[in-house]
Amino acid sequence: MTIKEKAQDLYNMIGQGQLLEGFDKYYADNIVMTEPRGTREGKPTCRDYEVQFLNSVQEFHGMDVSSIAVDEENNVTIVEVAMDITFQDGPRVNMEQVCVQKWEGDKIVHERFYYDNSQG
């Protein structure tokens, strides 16, 4: 399976409500995740953050992966995605982000999210 196919599989799993299963399958024990709100290191810490995110969601209305780009030489995938989510505290938002993933073998070892943090 190519890294593009792995990224596609991961986002298919997320779209089917299997975010944690995808996380367990594709993220390395030494994962580093970076976003505008901070950096987390290690699989247990990063997984706990994903659980907190899921607990903040009231309803997941849909997701659209508009593109996946691949740099095979450097084992990097770049995913552009939009998600339509209603959070527990009420607001419904369309979250748009770009995710850059560095792969080693079958696992993501570094992931960086780019998005507009001004909406909260």
Protein backbone atom coordinates (compact mmCIF):
# COMPACT_ATOMS: atom_id res chain seq x y z
CA MET A 1 0.00 0.00 0.00
CA THR A 2 1.41 3.42 -0.96
CA ILE A 3 1.41 6.30 1.51
CA LYS A 4 -1.31 7.94 -0.59
CA GLU A 5 -3.47 4.84 -0.22
CA LYS A 6 -2.77 4.80 3.52
CA ALA A 7 -3.79 8.47 3.83
CA GLN A 8 -6.94 7.75 1.81
CA ASP A 9 -7.74 4.77 4.02
CA LEU A 10 -7.23 6.85 7.16
CA TYR A 11 -9.59 9.58 5.96
CA ASN A 12 -12.13 6.98 4.79
CA MET A 13 -12.08 5.58 8.32
CA ILE A 14 -12.53 9.06 9.80
CA GLY A 15 -15.45 9.73 7.44
CA GLN A 16 -17.08 6.49 8.62
CA GLY A 17 -16.82 7.52 12.27
CA GLN A 18 -13.73 5.43 12.96
CA LEU A 19 -11.31 8.21 13.95
CA LEU A 20 -9.83 6.32 16.91
CA GLU A 21 -9.50 3.08 14.95
CA GLY A 22 -7.67 5.01 12.22
CA PHE A 23 -5.48 6.67 14.82
CA ASP A 24 -4.57 3.32 16.37
CA LYS A 25 -3.80 1.83 12.94
CA TYR A 26 -1.77 4.63 11.36
CA TYR A 27 -0.05 6.67 14.09
CA ALA A 28 3.38 5.80 15.50
CA ASP A 29 4.11 5.50 19.21
CA ASN A 30 6.41 8.54 18.92
CA ILE A 31 3.91 10.71 17.00
CA VAL A 32 4.26 14.49 17.22
CA MET A 33 1.13 16.47 16.31
CA THR A 34 1.34 20.23 15.78
CA GLU A 35 -1.43 22.74 15.18
CA PRO A 36 -2.02 26.45 15.81
CA ARG A 37 -3.16 25.63 19.36
CA GLY A 38 0.02 23.75 20.31
CA THR A 39 2.08 20.60 19.99
CA ARG A 40 1.47 17.18 21.53
CA GLU A 41 3.94 14.31 21.68
CA GLY A 42 3.51 10.57 22.12
CA LYS A 43 0.65 8.32 21.08
CA PRO A 44 -1.19 8.25 24.45
CA THR A 45 -1.18 12.07 24.75
CA CYS A 46 -2.25 12.58 21.14
CA ARG A 47 -4.95 9.89 21.38
CA ASP A 48 -6.35 11.51 24.54
CA TYR A 49 -6.60 14.80 22.62
CA GLU A 50 -8.55 13.04 19.84
CA VAL A 51 -10.92 11.55 22.45
CA GLN A 52 -11.48 15.04 23.90
CA PHE A 53 -12.23 16.34 20.40
CA LEU A 54 -14.75 13.55 19.79
CA ASN A 55 -16.40 14.24 23.14
CA SER A 56 -16.85 17.89 22.13
CA VAL A 57 -18.80 16.90 18.98
CA GLN A 58 -22.58 16.73 19.16
CA GLU A 59 -23.10 15.76 15.52
CA PHE A 60 -20.83 15.06 12.58
CA HIS A 61 -22.62 16.13 9.39
CA GLY A 62 -19.99 15.20 6.84
CA MET A 63 -16.47 15.45 5.52
CA ASP A 64 -14.97 16.21 2.13
CA VAL A 65 -11.38 15.41 1.24
CA SER A 66 -10.76 17.68 -1.72
CA SER A 67 -7.18 16.61 -2.42
CA ILE A 68 -4.33 14.39 -1.31
CA ALA A 69 -0.86 15.30 -2.55
CA VAL A 70 2.15 13.05 -2.12
CA ASP A 71 5.90 13.61 -1.92
CA GLU A 72 7.07 9.98 -2.24
CA GLU A 73 10.76 10.93 -1.99
CA ASN A 74 10.26 12.44 1.48
CA ASN A 75 7.39 10.15 2.60
CA VAL A 76 4.96 13.05 3.02
CA THR A 77 1.24 13.31 2.33
CA ILE A 78 -0.70 16.57 2.28
CA VAL A 79 -4.45 16.34 2.78
CA GLU A 80 -6.98 19.14 2.25
CA VAL A 81 -10.21 18.45 4.10
CA ALA A 82 -13.43 20.17 5.19
CA MET A 83 -15.65 18.88 7.98
CA ASP A 84 -19.15 20.02 8.92
CA ILE A 85 -19.59 19.61 12.69
CA THR A 86 -21.97 20.72 15.42
CA PHE A 87 -20.23 20.98 18.79
CA GLN A 88 -21.76 20.19 22.19
CA ASP A 89 -21.84 23.89 23.09
CA GLY A 90 -24.04 24.58 20.09
CA PRO A 91 -22.20 26.12 17.15
CA ARG A 92 -22.22 24.36 13.81
CA VAL A 93 -18.99 25.00 11.94
CA ASN A 94 -17.39 24.09 8.65
CA MET A 95 -13.80 23.32 9.60
CA GLU A 96 -11.32 23.57 6.74
CA GLN A 97 -7.74 22.45 7.19
CA VAL A 98 -4.63 21.18 5.50
CA CYS A 99 -2.76 18.36 7.16
CA VAL A 100 0.88 17.50 6.40
CA GLN A 101 1.84 13.98 7.43
CA LYS A 102 5.38 12.55 7.61
CA TRP A 103 5.39 8.76 7.30
CA GLU A 104 7.92 6.14 8.40
CA GLY A 105 6.86 2.77 7.04
CA ASP A 106 3.17 2.27 7.80
CA LYS A 107 2.93 4.95 10.49
CA ILE A 108 2.64 8.72 10.72
CA VAL A 109 5.45 10.10 12.90
CA HIS A 110 4.69 13.81 12.50
CA GLU A 111 1.47 15.58 11.59
CA ARG A 112 0.95 19.31 11.26
CA PHE A 113 -2.44 20.96 10.82
CA TYR A 114 -2.90 24.33 9.15
CA TYR A 115 -6.23 26.10 9.72
CA ASP A 116 -7.76 29.42 10.69
CA ASN A 117 -7.72 29.48 14.49
CA SER A 118 -9.71 32.73 14.78
CA GLN A 119 -13.10 30.95 15.01
CA GLY A 120 -12.28 29.38 18.33
